[in-house]
Amino acid sequence: MIVGREIRLKGEITDCDLLVVEGTIEASIVARALEIAIGGSYTGSANAEEAEIAGRFSGELSVSGLLRVTARGRVDGTIRYGRLEVAAGGTLAGTLSVLPPPAEESGTIVESDTTTDTASTPPPETA
């Protein structure tokens, strides 16, 4: 979905593969990928697997994979990310936290609040 320049959008967006913001959005979104272009503005909450911010984001942003902030990008608010890349000139302001890697990538199994390293756990003994 592309929100072009001069377009203003308010609301909730669900089940979106790719959202490209060239205009202005006030919304909550769940997407695979979020791109905010230079001149684009997003206010609200967003959950994505990956994101590239070249414009402005303000609100609550959670990116399970790579969050990339370009030289002209600005992110303000509560920011959670799996991996982070910020170009010289890009800015982040607010509360930042790193999300734990998915269990299949980290070699761990997460059950309730317990993490077990599968590479170092001996097999169960049999009687």
C-alpha atoms as a PDB file:
ATOM      1  CA  MET A   1       0.000   0.000   0.000  1.00  0.00           C
ATOM      2  CA  ILE A   2       1.389   3.417  -0.916  1.00  0.00           C
ATOM      3  CA  VAL A   3       0.226   6.616   0.745  1.00  0.00           C
ATOM      4  CA  GLY A   4       1.413   9.233  -1.751  1.00  0.00           C
ATOM      5  CA  ARG A   5       2.497  12.801  -1.244  1.00  0.00           C
ATOM      6  CA  GLU A   6      -0.343  15.189  -0.380  1.00  0.00           C
ATOM      7  CA  ILE A   7      -2.394  12.235   0.996  1.00  0.00           C
ATOM      8  CA  ARG A   8      -3.515  12.243   4.651  1.00  0.00           C
ATOM      9  CA  LEU A   9      -4.758   9.010   6.186  1.00  0.00           C
ATOM     10  CA  LYS A  10      -6.171   8.260   9.657  1.00  0.00           C
ATOM     11  CA  GLY A  11      -7.223   4.892  11.014  1.00  0.00           C
ATOM     12  CA  GLU A  12      -6.142   1.310  11.534  1.00  0.00           C
ATOM     13  CA  ILE A  13      -4.319  -0.809   8.963  1.00  0.00           C
ATOM     14  CA  THR A  14      -4.089  -4.566   9.460  1.00  0.00           C
ATOM     15  CA  ASP A  15      -2.570  -7.413   7.507  1.00  0.00           C
ATOM     16  CA  CYS A  16      -0.478  -5.188   5.241  1.00  0.00           C
ATOM     17  CA  ASP A  17       2.530  -6.622   3.416  1.00  0.00           C
ATOM     18  CA  LEU A  18       4.294  -3.332   2.652  1.00  0.00           C
ATOM     19  CA  LEU A  19       3.307   0.192   3.644  1.00  0.00           C
ATOM     20  CA  VAL A  20       5.136   3.057   1.927  1.00  0.00           C
ATOM     21  CA  VAL A  21       4.463   6.474   3.459  1.00  0.00           C
ATOM     22  CA  GLU A  22       5.140   9.511   1.293  1.00  0.00           C
ATOM     23  CA  GLY A  23       2.301  11.584   2.785  1.00  0.00           C
ATOM     24  CA  THR A  24       0.945  11.796   6.342  1.00  0.00           C
ATOM     25  CA  ILE A  25      -0.512   8.950   8.400  1.00  0.00           C
ATOM     26  CA  GLU A  26      -2.050   8.872  11.880  1.00  0.00           C
ATOM     27  CA  ALA A  27      -2.757   5.206  12.514  1.00  0.00           C
ATOM     28  CA  SER A  28      -1.952   1.890  14.065  1.00  0.00           C
ATOM     29  CA  ILE A  29      -0.579  -0.760  11.741  1.00  0.00           C
ATOM     30  CA  VAL A  30       0.579  -4.350  11.601  1.00  0.00           C
ATOM     31  CA  ALA A  31       2.732  -4.956   8.508  1.00  0.00           C
ATOM     32  CA  ARG A  32       5.565  -7.080   7.219  1.00  0.00           C
ATOM     33  CA  ALA A  33       7.492  -3.975   6.120  1.00  0.00           C
ATOM     34  CA  LEU A  34       7.189  -0.238   6.735  1.00  0.00           C
ATOM     35  CA  GLU A  35       8.946   2.430   4.674  1.00  0.00           C
ATOM     36  CA  ILE A  36       8.653   6.120   5.467  1.00  0.00           C
ATOM     37  CA  ALA A  37      10.067   8.161   2.592  1.00  0.00           C
ATOM     38  CA  ILE A  38      11.769  11.542   2.826  1.00  0.00           C
ATOM     39  CA  GLY A  39       8.947  14.000   3.484  1.00  0.00           C
ATOM     40  CA  GLY A  40       6.666  11.240   4.822  1.00  0.00           C
ATOM     41  CA  SER A  41       5.261  11.397   8.341  1.00  0.00           C
ATOM     42  CA  TYR A  42       3.753   8.654  10.533  1.00  0.00           C
ATOM     43  CA  THR A  43       2.193   9.205  13.955  1.00  0.00           C
ATOM     44  CA  GLY A  44       0.781   6.333  16.014  1.00  0.00           C
ATOM     45  CA  SER A  45       1.803   2.739  16.593  1.00  0.00           C
ATOM     46  CA  ALA A  46       3.405   0.300  14.184  1.00  0.00           C
ATOM     47  CA  ASN A  47       4.452  -3.342  14.398  1.00  0.00           C
ATOM     48  CA  ALA A  48       6.576  -4.626  11.528  1.00  0.00           C
ATOM     49  CA  GLU A  49       9.162  -7.258  10.699  1.00  0.00           C
ATOM     50  CA  GLU A  50      11.391  -4.622   9.103  1.00  0.00           C
ATOM     51  CA  ALA A  51      11.320  -0.846   8.712  1.00  0.00           C
ATOM     52  CA  GLU A  52      13.225   1.894   6.956  1.00  0.00           C
ATOM     53  CA  ILE A  53      12.682   5.445   8.146  1.00  0.00           C
ATOM     54  CA  ALA A  54      13.827   8.287   5.893  1.00  0.00           C
ATOM     55  CA  GLY A  55      11.062  10.666   7.029  1.00  0.00           C
ATOM     56  CA  ARG A  56       9.519  11.104  10.493  1.00  0.00           C
ATOM     57  CA  PHE A  57       7.978   8.549  12.843  1.00  0.00           C
ATOM     58  CA  SER A  58       6.422   9.542  16.156  1.00  0.00           C
ATOM     59  CA  GLY A  59       4.798   7.091  18.563  1.00  0.00           C
ATOM     60  CA  GLU A  60       5.295   3.432  19.397  1.00  0.00           C
ATOM     61  CA  LEU A  61       7.405   1.404  16.953  1.00  0.00           C
ATOM     62  CA  SER A  62       8.178  -2.304  17.277  1.00  0.00           C
ATOM     63  CA  VAL A  63      10.349  -3.937  14.596  1.00  0.00           C
ATOM     64  CA  SER A  64      11.190  -7.610  15.116  1.00  0.00           C
ATOM     65  CA  GLY A  65      13.979  -7.572  12.509  1.00  0.00           C
ATOM     66  CA  LEU A  66      16.032  -4.668  11.155  1.00  0.00           C
ATOM     67  CA  LEU A  67      15.107  -1.058  11.891  1.00  0.00           C
ATOM     68  CA  ARG A  68      17.044   1.200   9.516  1.00  0.00           C
ATOM     69  CA  VAL A  69      17.079   4.967  10.057  1.00  0.00           C
ATOM     70  CA  THR A  70      18.563   6.897   7.139  1.00  0.00           C
ATOM     71  CA  ALA A  71      20.557  10.130   7.317  1.00  0.00           C
ATOM     72  CA  ARG A  72      17.380  12.244   7.146  1.00  0.00           C
ATOM     73  CA  GLY A  73      15.194   9.933   9.238  1.00  0.00           C
ATOM     74  CA  ARG A  74      13.866  10.759  12.696  1.00  0.00           C
ATOM     75  CA  VAL A  75      12.153   8.399  15.132  1.00  0.00           C
ATOM     76  CA  ASP A  76      10.622   9.687  18.383  1.00  0.00           C
ATOM     77  CA  GLY A  77       8.818   7.662  21.043  1.00  0.00           C
ATOM     78  CA  THR A  78       8.951   4.112  22.340  1.00  0.00           C
ATOM     79  CA  ILE A  79      11.168   2.097  20.019  1.00  0.00           C
ATOM     80  CA  ARG A  80      11.708  -1.676  20.147  1.00  0.00           C
ATOM     81  CA  TYR A  81      13.866  -3.446  17.584  1.00  0.00           C
ATOM     82  CA  GLY A  82      15.639  -6.712  16.806  1.00  0.00           C
ATOM     83  CA  ARG A  83      18.552  -5.063  14.988  1.00  0.00           C
ATOM     84  CA  LEU A  84      19.324  -1.377  14.482  1.00  0.00           C
ATOM     85  CA  GLU A  85      21.150   0.593  11.794  1.00  0.00           C
ATOM     86  CA  VAL A  86      21.341   4.383  12.013  1.00  0.00           C
ATOM     87  CA  ALA A  87      23.095   6.399   9.301  1.00  0.00           C
ATOM     88  CA  ALA A  88      25.100   9.502  10.203  1.00  0.00           C
ATOM     89  CA  GLY A  89      22.536  12.275  10.650  1.00  0.00           C
ATOM     90  CA  GLY A  90      19.639   9.926  11.502  1.00  0.00           C
ATOM     91  CA  THR A  91      18.096  10.494  14.934  1.00  0.00           C
ATOM     92  CA  LEU A  92      16.371   8.411  17.586  1.00  0.00           C
ATOM     93  CA  ALA A  93      14.755   9.972  20.637  1.00  0.00           C
ATOM     94  CA  GLY A  94      12.757   8.331  23.399  1.00  0.00           C
ATOM     95  CA  THR A  95      12.841   4.920  25.026  1.00  0.00           C
ATOM     96  CA  LEU A  96      14.847   2.270  23.160  1.00  0.00           C
ATOM     97  CA  SER A  97      14.867  -1.464  23.844  1.00  0.00           C
ATOM     98  CA  VAL A  98      16.229  -4.502  22.041  1.00  0.00           C
ATOM     99  CA  LEU A  99      13.823  -7.356  21.340  1.00  0.00           C
ATOM    100  CA  PRO A 100      15.102 -10.889  21.944  1.00  0.00           C
ATOM    101  CA  PRO A 101      15.893 -12.833  18.759  1.00  0.00           C
ATOM    102  CA  PRO A 102      13.358 -15.430  17.637  1.00  0.00           C
ATOM    103  CA  ALA A 103      14.011 -18.868  19.161  1.00  0.00           C
ATOM    104  CA  GLU A 104      14.856 -20.469  15.803  1.00  0.00           C
ATOM    105  CA  GLU A 105      17.596 -17.872  15.131  1.00  0.00           C
ATOM    106  CA  SER A 106      19.175 -17.839  18.583  1.00  0.00           C
ATOM    107  CA  GLY A 107      19.373 -21.588  19.199  1.00  0.00           C
ATOM    108  CA  THR A 108      17.202 -21.278  22.288  1.00  0.00           C
ATOM    109  CA  ILE A 109      13.847 -22.661  23.240  1.00  0.00           C
ATOM    110  CA  VAL A 110      11.622 -20.308  25.184  1.00  0.00           C
ATOM    111  CA  GLU A 111       8.990 -21.852  27.457  1.00  0.00           C
ATOM    112  CA  SER A 112       7.097 -19.551  29.776  1.00  0.00           C
ATOM    113  CA  ASP A 113       9.852 -17.375  31.258  1.00  0.00           C
ATOM    114  CA  THR A 114      12.632 -19.956  30.951  1.00  0.00           C
ATOM    115  CA  THR A 115      15.312 -20.007  28.248  1.00  0.00           C
ATOM    116  CA  THR A 116      17.171 -23.249  27.528  1.00  0.00           C
ATOM    117  CA  ASP A 117      20.257 -23.401  25.328  1.00  0.00           C
ATOM    118  CA  THR A 118      19.651 -26.415  23.099  1.00  0.00           C
ATOM    119  CA  ALA A 119      23.343 -26.759  22.229  1.00  0.00           C
ATOM    120  CA  SER A 120      24.461 -27.282  25.836  1.00  0.00           C
ATOM    121  CA  THR A 121      21.505 -29.164  27.330  1.00  0.00           C
ATOM    122  CA  PRO A 122      22.317 -32.871  27.846  1.00  0.00           C
ATOM    123  CA  PRO A 123      19.695 -35.397  26.735  1.00  0.00           C
ATOM    124  CA  PRO A 124      17.383 -36.706  29.478  1.00  0.00           C
ATOM    125  CA  GLU A 125      18.606 -39.823  31.254  1.00  0.00           C
ATOM    126  CA  THR A 126      16.619 -43.004  30.762  1.00  0.00           C
ATOM    127  CA  ALA A 127      16.067 -45.558  33.485  1.00  0.00           C
END
